Amino acid sequence: MENLMQNVVTHFPGHGTLFEEMYLEAKNRGKIESRVESILRVLAAQGVPVSDDVRERITTCADLDTLAVWFDRSLTVSKAEDLFTGETEATTAS
């Protein structure tokens, strides 16, 4: 086990190992899930109804920058659809 850990430390980070790629993918996925949950929680706390279509659009987005914009907007919107104001479907598809 100690030898295995030594190999992991030697080849991580920046060497593009499978372990590193899996780690970074999981870390990114965790950030995405956290932002999605935050958006939905803010909307719920403010009593903003979220349709199935809006929920699906939020939960299927994999772009952290887009989710950050939506989170900021979630703090002030009165309709969940307003999260997407000024955006086209092509710019938010991930």
PDB file of N, CA and C in Angstrom:
ATOM      1  N   MET A   1       0.825  -1.185   0.000  1.00  0.00           N
ATOM      2  CA  MET A   1       0.000   0.000   0.000  1.00  0.00           C
ATOM      3  C   MET A   1       0.872   1.252   0.000  1.00  0.00           C
ATOM      4  N   GLU A   2       1.926   1.240   0.803  1.00  0.00           N
ATOM      5  CA  GLU A   2       2.817   2.393   0.864  1.00  0.00           C
ATOM      6  C   GLU A   2       3.457   2.652  -0.495  1.00  0.00           C
ATOM      7  N   ASN A   3       3.835   1.578  -1.185  1.00  0.00           N
ATOM      8  CA  ASN A   3       4.428   1.703  -2.515  1.00  0.00           C
ATOM      9  C   ASN A   3       3.424   2.290  -3.502  1.00  0.00           C
ATOM     10  N   LEU A   4       2.179   1.881  -3.418  1.00  0.00           N
ATOM     11  CA  LEU A   4       1.128   2.408  -4.283  1.00  0.00           C
ATOM     12  C   LEU A   4       0.956   3.907  -4.058  1.00  0.00           C
ATOM     13  N   MET A   5       0.921   4.339  -2.813  1.00  0.00           N
ATOM     14  CA  MET A   5       0.769   5.759  -2.503  1.00  0.00           C
ATOM     15  C   MET A   5       1.970   6.557  -2.995  1.00  0.00           C
ATOM     16  N   GLN A   6       3.152   5.968  -2.931  1.00  0.00           N
ATOM     17  CA  GLN A   6       4.346   6.654  -3.414  1.00  0.00           C
ATOM     18  C   GLN A   6       4.222   6.913  -4.913  1.00  0.00           C
ATOM     19  N   ASN A   7       3.703   5.952  -5.660  1.00  0.00           N
ATOM     20  CA  ASN A   7       3.510   6.118  -7.098  1.00  0.00           C
ATOM     21  C   ASN A   7       2.478   7.200  -7.397  1.00  0.00           C
ATOM     22  N   VAL A   8       1.434   7.259  -6.603  1.00  0.00           N
ATOM     23  CA  VAL A   8       0.400   8.269  -6.808  1.00  0.00           C
ATOM     24  C   VAL A   8       0.985   9.661  -6.579  1.00  0.00           C
ATOM     25  N   VAL A   9       1.722   9.835  -5.500  1.00  0.00           N
ATOM     26  CA  VAL A   9       2.322  11.127  -5.202  1.00  0.00           C
ATOM     27  C   VAL A   9       3.324  11.504  -6.280  1.00  0.00           C
ATOM     28  N   THR A  10       4.107  10.553  -6.764  1.00  0.00           N
ATOM     29  CA  THR A  10       5.113  10.811  -7.786  1.00  0.00           C
ATOM     30  C   THR A  10       4.477  11.275  -9.090  1.00  0.00           C
ATOM     31  N   HIS A  11       3.326  10.746  -9.429  1.00  0.00           N
ATOM     32  CA  HIS A  11       2.708  11.032 -10.717  1.00  0.00           C
ATOM     33  C   HIS A  11       1.546  12.011 -10.636  1.00  0.00           C
ATOM     34  N   PHE A  12       1.404  12.680  -9.523  1.00  0.00           N
ATOM     35  CA  PHE A  12       0.278  13.587  -9.364  1.00  0.00           C
ATOM     36  C   PHE A  12       0.753  14.865  -8.720  1.00  0.00           C
ATOM     37  N   PRO A  13       0.397  16.017  -9.102  1.00  0.00           N
ATOM     38  CA  PRO A  13      -0.447  16.388 -10.227  1.00  0.00           C
ATOM     39  C   PRO A  13       0.364  16.745 -11.474  1.00  0.00           C
ATOM     40  N   GLY A  14      -0.346  16.943 -12.538  1.00  0.00           N
ATOM     41  CA  GLY A  14       0.237  17.474 -13.754  1.00  0.00           C
ATOM     42  C   GLY A  14       0.828  16.477 -14.713  1.00  0.00           C
ATOM     43  N   HIS A  15       0.704  15.208 -14.457  1.00  0.00           N
ATOM     44  CA  HIS A  15       1.268  14.213 -15.359  1.00  0.00           C
ATOM     45  C   HIS A  15       0.223  13.533 -16.236  1.00  0.00           C
ATOM     46  N   GLY A  16      -1.043  13.924 -16.078  1.00  0.00           N
ATOM     47  CA  GLY A  16      -2.095  13.369 -16.921  1.00  0.00           C
ATOM     48  C   GLY A  16      -2.367  11.897 -16.696  1.00  0.00           C
ATOM     49  N   THR A  17      -2.101  11.427 -15.491  1.00  0.00           N
ATOM     50  CA  THR A  17      -2.365  10.019 -15.209  1.00  0.00           C
ATOM     51  C   THR A  17      -3.868   9.775 -15.140  1.00  0.00           C
ATOM     52  N   LEU A  18      -4.251   8.537 -15.293  1.00  0.00           N
ATOM     53  CA  LEU A  18      -5.659   8.168 -15.193  1.00  0.00           C
ATOM     54  C   LEU A  18      -6.204   8.556 -13.820  1.00  0.00           C
ATOM     55  N   PHE A  19      -5.412   8.318 -12.786  1.00  0.00           N
ATOM     56  CA  PHE A  19      -5.832   8.672 -11.433  1.00  0.00           C
ATOM     57  C   PHE A  19      -6.093  10.172 -11.341  1.00  0.00           C
ATOM     58  N   GLU A  20      -5.188  10.970 -11.886  1.00  0.00           N
ATOM     59  CA  GLU A  20      -5.351  12.422 -11.844  1.00  0.00           C
ATOM     60  C   GLU A  20      -6.597  12.857 -12.614  1.00  0.00           C
ATOM     61  N   GLU A  21      -6.791  12.298 -13.790  1.00  0.00           N
ATOM     62  CA  GLU A  21      -7.955  12.652 -14.590  1.00  0.00           C
ATOM     63  C   GLU A  21      -9.245  12.310 -13.868  1.00  0.00           C
ATOM     64  N   MET A  22      -9.288  11.134 -13.251  1.00  0.00           N
ATOM     65  CA  MET A  22     -10.482  10.724 -12.515  1.00  0.00           C
ATOM     66  C   MET A  22     -10.709  11.638 -11.312  1.00  0.00           C
ATOM     67  N   TYR A  23      -9.648  11.977 -10.623  1.00  0.00           N
ATOM     68  CA  TYR A  23      -9.745  12.867  -9.465  1.00  0.00           C
ATOM     69  C   TYR A  23     -10.290  14.232  -9.878  1.00  0.00           C
ATOM     70  N   LEU A  24      -9.714  14.806 -10.925  1.00  0.00           N
ATOM     71  CA  LEU A  24     -10.137  16.129 -11.373  1.00  0.00           C
ATOM     72  C   LEU A  24     -11.563  16.120 -11.905  1.00  0.00           C
ATOM     73  N   GLU A  25     -11.942  15.048 -12.582  1.00  0.00           N
ATOM     74  CA  GLU A  25     -13.315  14.929 -13.080  1.00  0.00           C
ATOM     75  C   GLU A  25     -14.300  14.858 -11.917  1.00  0.00           C
ATOM     76  N   ALA A  26     -13.969  14.079 -10.901  1.00  0.00           N
ATOM     77  CA  ALA A  26     -14.845  13.962  -9.733  1.00  0.00           C
ATOM     78  C   ALA A  26     -14.930  15.289  -8.987  1.00  0.00           C
ATOM     79  N   LYS A  27     -13.810  15.977  -8.889  1.00  0.00           N
ATOM     80  CA  LYS A  27     -13.792  17.275  -8.213  1.00  0.00           C
ATOM     81  C   LYS A  27     -14.673  18.280  -8.957  1.00  0.00           C
ATOM     82  N   ASN A  28     -14.566  18.312 -10.276  1.00  0.00           N
ATOM     83  CA  ASN A  28     -15.378  19.202 -11.098  1.00  0.00           C
ATOM     84  C   ASN A  28     -16.855  18.849 -10.982  1.00  0.00           C
ATOM     85  N   ARG A  29     -17.158  17.556 -11.028  1.00  0.00           N
ATOM     86  CA  ARG A  29     -18.541  17.096 -10.907  1.00  0.00           C
ATOM     87  C   ARG A  29     -19.123  17.508  -9.546  1.00  0.00           C
ATOM     88  N   GLY A  30     -18.304  17.443  -8.501  1.00  0.00           N
ATOM     89  CA  GLY A  30     -18.749  17.855  -7.173  1.00  0.00           C
ATOM     90  C   GLY A  30     -19.051  19.342  -7.111  1.00  0.00           C
ATOM     91  N   LYS A  31     -18.230  20.152  -7.777  1.00  0.00           N
ATOM     92  CA  LYS A  31     -18.478  21.596  -7.826  1.00  0.00           C
ATOM     93  C   LYS A  31     -19.780  21.893  -8.564  1.00  0.00           C
ATOM     94  N   ILE A  32     -19.990  21.192  -9.665  1.00  0.00           N
ATOM     95  CA  ILE A  32     -21.219  21.389 -10.447  1.00  0.00           C
ATOM     96  C   ILE A  32     -22.434  21.027  -9.603  1.00  0.00           C
ATOM     97  N   GLU A  33     -22.394  19.865  -8.960  1.00  0.00           N
ATOM     98  CA  GLU A  33     -23.525  19.437  -8.136  1.00  0.00           C
ATOM     99  C   GLU A  33     -23.788  20.416  -6.997  1.00  0.00           C
ATOM    100  N   SER A  34     -22.740  20.961  -6.420  1.00  0.00           N
ATOM    101  CA  SER A  34     -22.886  21.923  -5.332  1.00  0.00           C
ATOM    102  C   SER A  34     -23.548  23.212  -5.817  1.00  0.00           C
ATOM    103  N   ARG A  35     -23.136  23.701  -6.982  1.00  0.00           N
ATOM    104  CA  ARG A  35     -23.734  24.931  -7.519  1.00  0.00           C
ATOM    105  C   ARG A  35     -25.192  24.714  -7.891  1.00  0.00           C
ATOM    106  N   VAL A  36     -25.486  23.567  -8.490  1.00  0.00           N
ATOM    107  CA  VAL A  36     -26.871  23.249  -8.848  1.00  0.00           C
ATOM    108  C   VAL A  36     -27.731  23.224  -7.587  1.00  0.00           C
ATOM    109  N   GLU A  37     -27.251  22.540  -6.567  1.00  0.00           N
ATOM    110  CA  GLU A  37     -27.999  22.455  -5.313  1.00  0.00           C
ATOM    111  C   GLU A  37     -28.192  23.842  -4.703  1.00  0.00           C
ATOM    112  N   SER A  38     -27.166  24.674  -4.751  1.00  0.00           N
ATOM    113  CA  SER A  38     -27.264  26.028  -4.189  1.00  0.00           C
ATOM    114  C   SER A  38     -28.322  26.854  -4.903  1.00  0.00           C
ATOM    115  N   ILE A  39     -28.337  26.781  -6.215  1.00  0.00           N
ATOM    116  CA  ILE A  39     -29.329  27.533  -6.994  1.00  0.00           C
ATOM    117  C   ILE A  39     -30.736  27.100  -6.604  1.00  0.00           C
ATOM    118  N   LEU A  40     -30.963  25.805  -6.593  1.00  0.00           N
ATOM    119  CA  LEU A  40     -32.293  25.287  -6.282  1.00  0.00           C
ATOM    120  C   LEU A  40     -32.698  25.617  -4.839  1.00  0.00           C
ATOM    121  N   ARG A  41     -31.755  25.584  -3.913  1.00  0.00           N
ATOM    122  CA  ARG A  41     -32.060  25.906  -2.513  1.00  0.00           C
ATOM    123  C   ARG A  41     -32.412  27.376  -2.347  1.00  0.00           C
ATOM    124  N   VAL A  42     -31.682  28.255  -3.034  1.00  0.00           N
ATOM    125  CA  VAL A  42     -31.983  29.687  -2.943  1.00  0.00           C
ATOM    126  C   VAL A  42     -33.382  29.957  -3.495  1.00  0.00           C
ATOM    127  N   LEU A  43     -33.674  29.381  -4.643  1.00  0.00           N
ATOM    128  CA  LEU A  43     -35.002  29.578  -5.232  1.00  0.00           C
ATOM    129  C   LEU A  43     -36.091  29.077  -4.283  1.00  0.00           C
ATOM    130  N   ALA A  44     -35.879  27.906  -3.707  1.00  0.00           N
ATOM    131  CA  ALA A  44     -36.866  27.344  -2.778  1.00  0.00           C
ATOM    132  C   ALA A  44     -37.018  28.224  -1.537  1.00  0.00           C
ATOM    133  N   ALA A  45     -35.918  28.713  -1.009  1.00  0.00           N
ATOM    134  CA  ALA A  45     -35.956  29.545   0.191  1.00  0.00           C
ATOM    135  C   ALA A  45     -36.698  30.858  -0.053  1.00  0.00           C
ATOM    136  N   GLN A  46     -36.633  31.323  -1.283  1.00  0.00           N
ATOM    137  CA  GLN A  46     -37.329  32.562  -1.628  1.00  0.00           C
ATOM    138  C   GLN A  46     -38.751  32.322  -2.095  1.00  0.00           C
ATOM    139  N   GLY A  47     -39.157  31.053  -2.133  1.00  0.00           N
ATOM    140  CA  GLY A  47     -40.508  30.724  -2.547  1.00  0.00           C
ATOM    141  C   GLY A  47     -40.745  30.856  -4.040  1.00  0.00           C
ATOM    142  N   VAL A  48     -39.677  30.752  -4.819  1.00  0.00           N
ATOM    143  CA  VAL A  48     -39.791  30.864  -6.278  1.00  0.00           C
ATOM    144  C   VAL A  48     -40.100  29.476  -6.838  1.00  0.00           C
ATOM    145  N   PRO A  49     -41.257  29.312  -7.486  1.00  0.00           N
ATOM    146  CA  PRO A  49     -41.592  28.015  -8.066  1.00  0.00           C
ATOM    147  C   PRO A  49     -40.629  27.657  -9.205  1.00  0.00           C
ATOM    148  N   VAL A  50     -40.272  26.384  -9.272  1.00  0.00           N
ATOM    149  CA  VAL A  50     -39.357  25.893 -10.308  1.00  0.00           C
ATOM    150  C   VAL A  50     -40.067  24.804 -11.100  1.00  0.00           C
ATOM    151  N   SER A  51     -40.323  25.090 -12.366  1.00  0.00           N
ATOM    152  CA  SER A  51     -40.982  24.099 -13.229  1.00  0.00           C
ATOM    153  C   SER A  51     -40.022  22.947 -13.518  1.00  0.00           C
ATOM    154  N   ASP A  52     -40.573  21.853 -14.000  1.00  0.00           N
ATOM    155  CA  ASP A  52     -39.740  20.707 -14.364  1.00  0.00           C
ATOM    156  C   ASP A  52     -38.737  21.074 -15.448  1.00  0.00           C
ATOM    157  N   ASP A  53     -39.158  21.901 -16.416  1.00  0.00           N
ATOM    158  CA  ASP A  53     -38.249  22.314 -17.491  1.00  0.00           C
ATOM    159  C   ASP A  53     -37.084  23.127 -16.956  1.00  0.00           C
ATOM    160  N   VAL A  54     -37.362  24.058 -16.062  1.00  0.00           N
ATOM    161  CA  VAL A  54     -36.300  24.883 -15.478  1.00  0.00           C
ATOM    162  C   VAL A  54     -35.378  24.016 -14.630  1.00  0.00           C
ATOM    163  N   ARG A  55     -35.969  23.148 -13.818  1.00  0.00           N
ATOM    164  CA  ARG A  55     -35.161  22.246 -12.980  1.00  0.00           C
ATOM    165  C   ARG A  55     -34.246  21.390 -13.847  1.00  0.00           C
ATOM    166  N   GLU A  56     -34.771  20.864 -14.942  1.00  0.00           N
ATOM    167  CA  GLU A  56     -33.953  20.032 -15.825  1.00  0.00           C
ATOM    168  C   GLU A  56     -32.825  20.846 -16.445  1.00  0.00           C
ATOM    169  N   ARG A  57     -33.120  22.062 -16.857  1.00  0.00           N
ATOM    170  CA  ARG A  57     -32.087  22.904 -17.465  1.00  0.00           C
ATOM    171  C   ARG A  57     -30.967  23.198 -16.458  1.00  0.00           C
ATOM    172  N   ILE A  58     -31.338  23.450 -15.219  1.00  0.00           N
ATOM    173  CA  ILE A  58     -30.337  23.717 -14.184  1.00  0.00           C
ATOM    174  C   ILE A  58     -29.532  22.464 -13.877  1.00  0.00           C
ATOM    175  N   THR A  59     -30.213  21.350 -13.675  1.00  0.00           N
ATOM    176  CA  THR A  59     -29.516  20.132 -13.246  1.00  0.00           C
ATOM    177  C   THR A  59     -28.692  19.478 -14.348  1.00  0.00           C
ATOM    178  N   THR A  60     -28.955  19.811 -15.597  1.00  0.00           N
ATOM    179  CA  THR A  60     -28.169  19.213 -16.683  1.00  0.00           C
ATOM    180  C   THR A  60     -27.041  20.120 -17.169  1.00  0.00           C
ATOM    181  N   CYS A  61     -26.962  21.322 -16.634  1.00  0.00           N
ATOM    182  CA  CYS A  61     -25.882  22.231 -17.026  1.00  0.00           C
ATOM    183  C   CYS A  61     -24.568  21.751 -16.401  1.00  0.00           C
ATOM    184  N   ALA A  62     -23.527  21.704 -17.204  1.00  0.00           N
ATOM    185  CA  ALA A  62     -22.216  21.253 -16.724  1.00  0.00           C
ATOM    186  C   ALA A  62     -21.162  22.350 -16.846  1.00  0.00           C
ATOM    187  N   ASP A  63     -21.598  23.588 -17.018  1.00  0.00           N
ATOM    188  CA  ASP A  63     -20.670  24.703 -17.165  1.00  0.00           C
ATOM    189  C   ASP A  63     -20.652  25.520 -15.871  1.00  0.00           C
ATOM    190  N   LEU A  64     -19.520  25.513 -15.186  1.00  0.00           N
ATOM    191  CA  LEU A  64     -19.424  26.191 -13.893  1.00  0.00           C
ATOM    192  C   LEU A  64     -19.650  27.698 -14.004  1.00  0.00           C
ATOM    193  N   ASP A  65     -19.185  28.311 -15.078  1.00  0.00           N
ATOM    194  CA  ASP A  65     -19.375  29.753 -15.247  1.00  0.00           C
ATOM    195  C   ASP A  65     -20.852  30.101 -15.403  1.00  0.00           C
ATOM    196  N   THR A  66     -21.558  29.308 -16.202  1.00  0.00           N
ATOM    197  CA  THR A  66     -22.996  29.525 -16.379  1.00  0.00           C
ATOM    198  C   THR A  66     -23.728  29.336 -15.057  1.00  0.00           C
ATOM    199  N   LEU A  67     -23.372  28.294 -14.332  1.00  0.00           N
ATOM    200  CA  LEU A  67     -24.014  28.048 -13.038  1.00  0.00           C
ATOM    201  C   LEU A  67     -23.729  29.183 -12.053  1.00  0.00           C
ATOM    202  N   ALA A  68     -22.547  29.773 -12.116  1.00  0.00           N
ATOM    203  CA  ALA A  68     -22.224  30.905 -11.235  1.00  0.00           C
ATOM    204  C   ALA A  68     -23.120  32.101 -11.552  1.00  0.00           C
ATOM    205  N   VAL A  69     -23.335  32.362 -12.839  1.00  0.00           N
ATOM    206  CA  VAL A  69     -24.228  33.456 -13.249  1.00  0.00           C
ATOM    207  C   VAL A  69     -25.644  33.171 -12.757  1.00  0.00           C
ATOM    208  N   TRP A  70     -26.105  31.944 -12.961  1.00  0.00           N
ATOM    209  CA  TRP A  70     -27.455  31.587 -12.524  1.00  0.00           C
ATOM    210  C   TRP A  70     -27.589  31.693 -11.010  1.00  0.00           C
ATOM    211  N   PHE A  71     -26.543  31.317 -10.280  1.00  0.00           N
ATOM    212  CA  PHE A  71     -26.604  31.442  -8.821  1.00  0.00           C
ATOM    213  C   PHE A  71     -26.765  32.906  -8.426  1.00  0.00           C
ATOM    214  N   ASP A  72     -25.949  33.767  -9.004  1.00  0.00           N
ATOM    215  CA  ASP A  72     -26.059  35.199  -8.697  1.00  0.00           C
ATOM    216  C   ASP A  72     -27.463  35.713  -8.990  1.00  0.00           C
ATOM    217  N   ARG A  73     -28.004  35.304 -10.103  1.00  0.00           N
ATOM    218  CA  ARG A  73     -29.357  35.736 -10.469  1.00  0.00           C
ATOM    219  C   ARG A  73     -30.409  35.150  -9.535  1.00  0.00           C
ATOM    220  N   SER A  74     -30.158  33.936  -9.031  1.00  0.00           N
ATOM    221  CA  SER A  74     -31.146  33.283  -8.170  1.00  0.00           C
ATOM    222  C   SER A  74     -31.392  34.079  -6.891  1.00  0.00           C
ATOM    223  N   LEU A  75     -30.463  34.932  -6.542  1.00  0.00           N
ATOM    224  CA  LEU A  75     -30.600  35.732  -5.326  1.00  0.00           C
ATOM    225  C   LEU A  75     -31.636  36.837  -5.453  1.00  0.00           C
ATOM    226  N   THR A  76     -31.984  37.201  -6.704  1.00  0.00           N
ATOM    227  CA  THR A  76     -32.876  38.349  -6.891  1.00  0.00           C
ATOM    228  C   THR A  76     -34.093  38.091  -7.773  1.00  0.00           C
ATOM    229  N   VAL A  77     -34.172  36.944  -8.443  1.00  0.00           N
ATOM    230  CA  VAL A  77     -35.281  36.724  -9.374  1.00  0.00           C
ATOM    231  C   VAL A  77     -36.586  36.445  -8.643  1.00  0.00           C
ATOM    232  N   SER A  78     -37.688  36.790  -9.323  1.00  0.00           N
ATOM    233  CA  SER A  78     -39.000  36.452  -8.784  1.00  0.00           C
ATOM    234  C   SER A  78     -39.631  35.299  -9.563  1.00  0.00           C
ATOM    235  N   LYS A  79     -39.071  35.017 -10.753  1.00  0.00           N
ATOM    236  CA  LYS A  79     -39.485  33.861 -11.561  1.00  0.00           C
ATOM    237  C   LYS A  79     -38.231  33.080 -11.927  1.00  0.00           C
ATOM    238  N   ALA A  80     -38.292  31.764 -11.799  1.00  0.00           N
ATOM    239  CA  ALA A  80     -37.125  30.931 -12.081  1.00  0.00           C
ATOM    240  C   ALA A  80     -36.639  31.096 -13.522  1.00  0.00           C
ATOM    241  N   GLU A  81     -37.554  31.350 -14.434  1.00  0.00           N
ATOM    242  CA  GLU A  81     -37.183  31.524 -15.840  1.00  0.00           C
ATOM    243  C   GLU A  81     -36.268  32.726 -16.047  1.00  0.00           C
ATOM    244  N   ASP A  82     -36.307  33.676 -15.100  1.00  0.00           N
ATOM    245  CA  ASP A  82     -35.458  34.864 -15.206  1.00  0.00           C
ATOM    246  C   ASP A  82     -33.974  34.546 -15.014  1.00  0.00           C
ATOM    247  N   LEU A  83     -33.664  33.347 -14.534  1.00  0.00           N
ATOM    248  CA  LEU A  83     -32.256  32.937 -14.453  1.00  0.00           C
ATOM    249  C   LEU A  83     -31.605  32.985 -15.826  1.00  0.00           C
ATOM    250  N   PHE A  84     -32.389  32.716 -16.852  1.00  0.00           N
ATOM    251  CA  PHE A  84     -31.858  32.549 -18.204  1.00  0.00           C
ATOM    252  C   PHE A  84     -32.011  33.793 -19.072  1.00  0.00           C
ATOM    253  N   THR A  85     -32.371  34.915 -18.482  1.00  0.00           N
ATOM    254  CA  THR A  85     -32.587  36.152 -19.227  1.00  0.00           C
ATOM    255  C   THR A  85     -31.364  36.499 -20.068  1.00  0.00           C
ATOM    256  N   GLY A  86     -31.629  36.769 -21.370  1.00  0.00           N
ATOM    257  CA  GLY A  86     -30.544  37.186 -22.257  1.00  0.00           C
ATOM    258  C   GLY A  86     -29.700  36.049 -22.788  1.00  0.00           C
ATOM    259  N   GLU A  87     -30.053  34.822 -22.497  1.00  0.00           N
ATOM    260  CA  GLU A  87     -29.288  33.672 -22.955  1.00  0.00           C
ATOM    261  C   GLU A  87     -30.084  32.888 -23.984  1.00  0.00           C
ATOM    262  N   THR A  88     -29.374  32.242 -24.865  1.00  0.00           N
ATOM    263  CA  THR A  88     -30.024  31.344 -25.813  1.00  0.00           C
ATOM    264  C   THR A  88     -29.721  29.914 -25.376  1.00  0.00           C
ATOM    265  N   GLU A  89     -30.487  28.995 -25.851  1.00  0.00           N
ATOM    266  CA  GLU A  89     -30.276  27.586 -25.511  1.00  0.00           C
ATOM    267  C   GLU A  89     -28.873  27.135 -25.900  1.00  0.00           C
ATOM    268  N   ALA A  90     -28.363  27.640 -27.025  1.00  0.00           N
ATOM    269  CA  ALA A  90     -27.036  27.226 -27.498  1.00  0.00           C
ATOM    270  C   ALA A  90     -25.932  27.665 -26.549  1.00  0.00           C
ATOM    271  N   THR A  91     -26.086  28.811 -25.890  1.00  0.00           N
ATOM    272  CA  THR A  91     -25.022  29.292 -25.018  1.00  0.00           C
ATOM    273  C   THR A  91     -25.012  28.580 -23.687  1.00  0.00           C
ATOM    274  N   THR A  92     -26.098  27.913 -23.320  1.00  0.00           N
ATOM    275  CA  THR A  92     -26.132  27.244 -22.029  1.00  0.00           C
ATOM    276  C   THR A  92     -26.063  25.736 -22.144  1.00  0.00           C
ATOM    277  N   ALA A  93     -26.146  25.211 -23.331  1.00  0.00           N
ATOM    278  CA  ALA A  93     -26.041  23.761 -23.483  1.00  0.00           C
ATOM    279  C   ALA A  93     -24.630  23.332 -23.192  1.00  0.00           C
ATOM    280  N   SER A  94     -24.494  22.250 -22.433  1.00  0.00           N
ATOM    281  CA  SER A  94     -23.153  21.785 -22.069  1.00  0.00           C
ATOM    282  C   SER A  94     -22.943  20.347 -22.414  1.00  0.00           C
TER     283      SER A  94
END
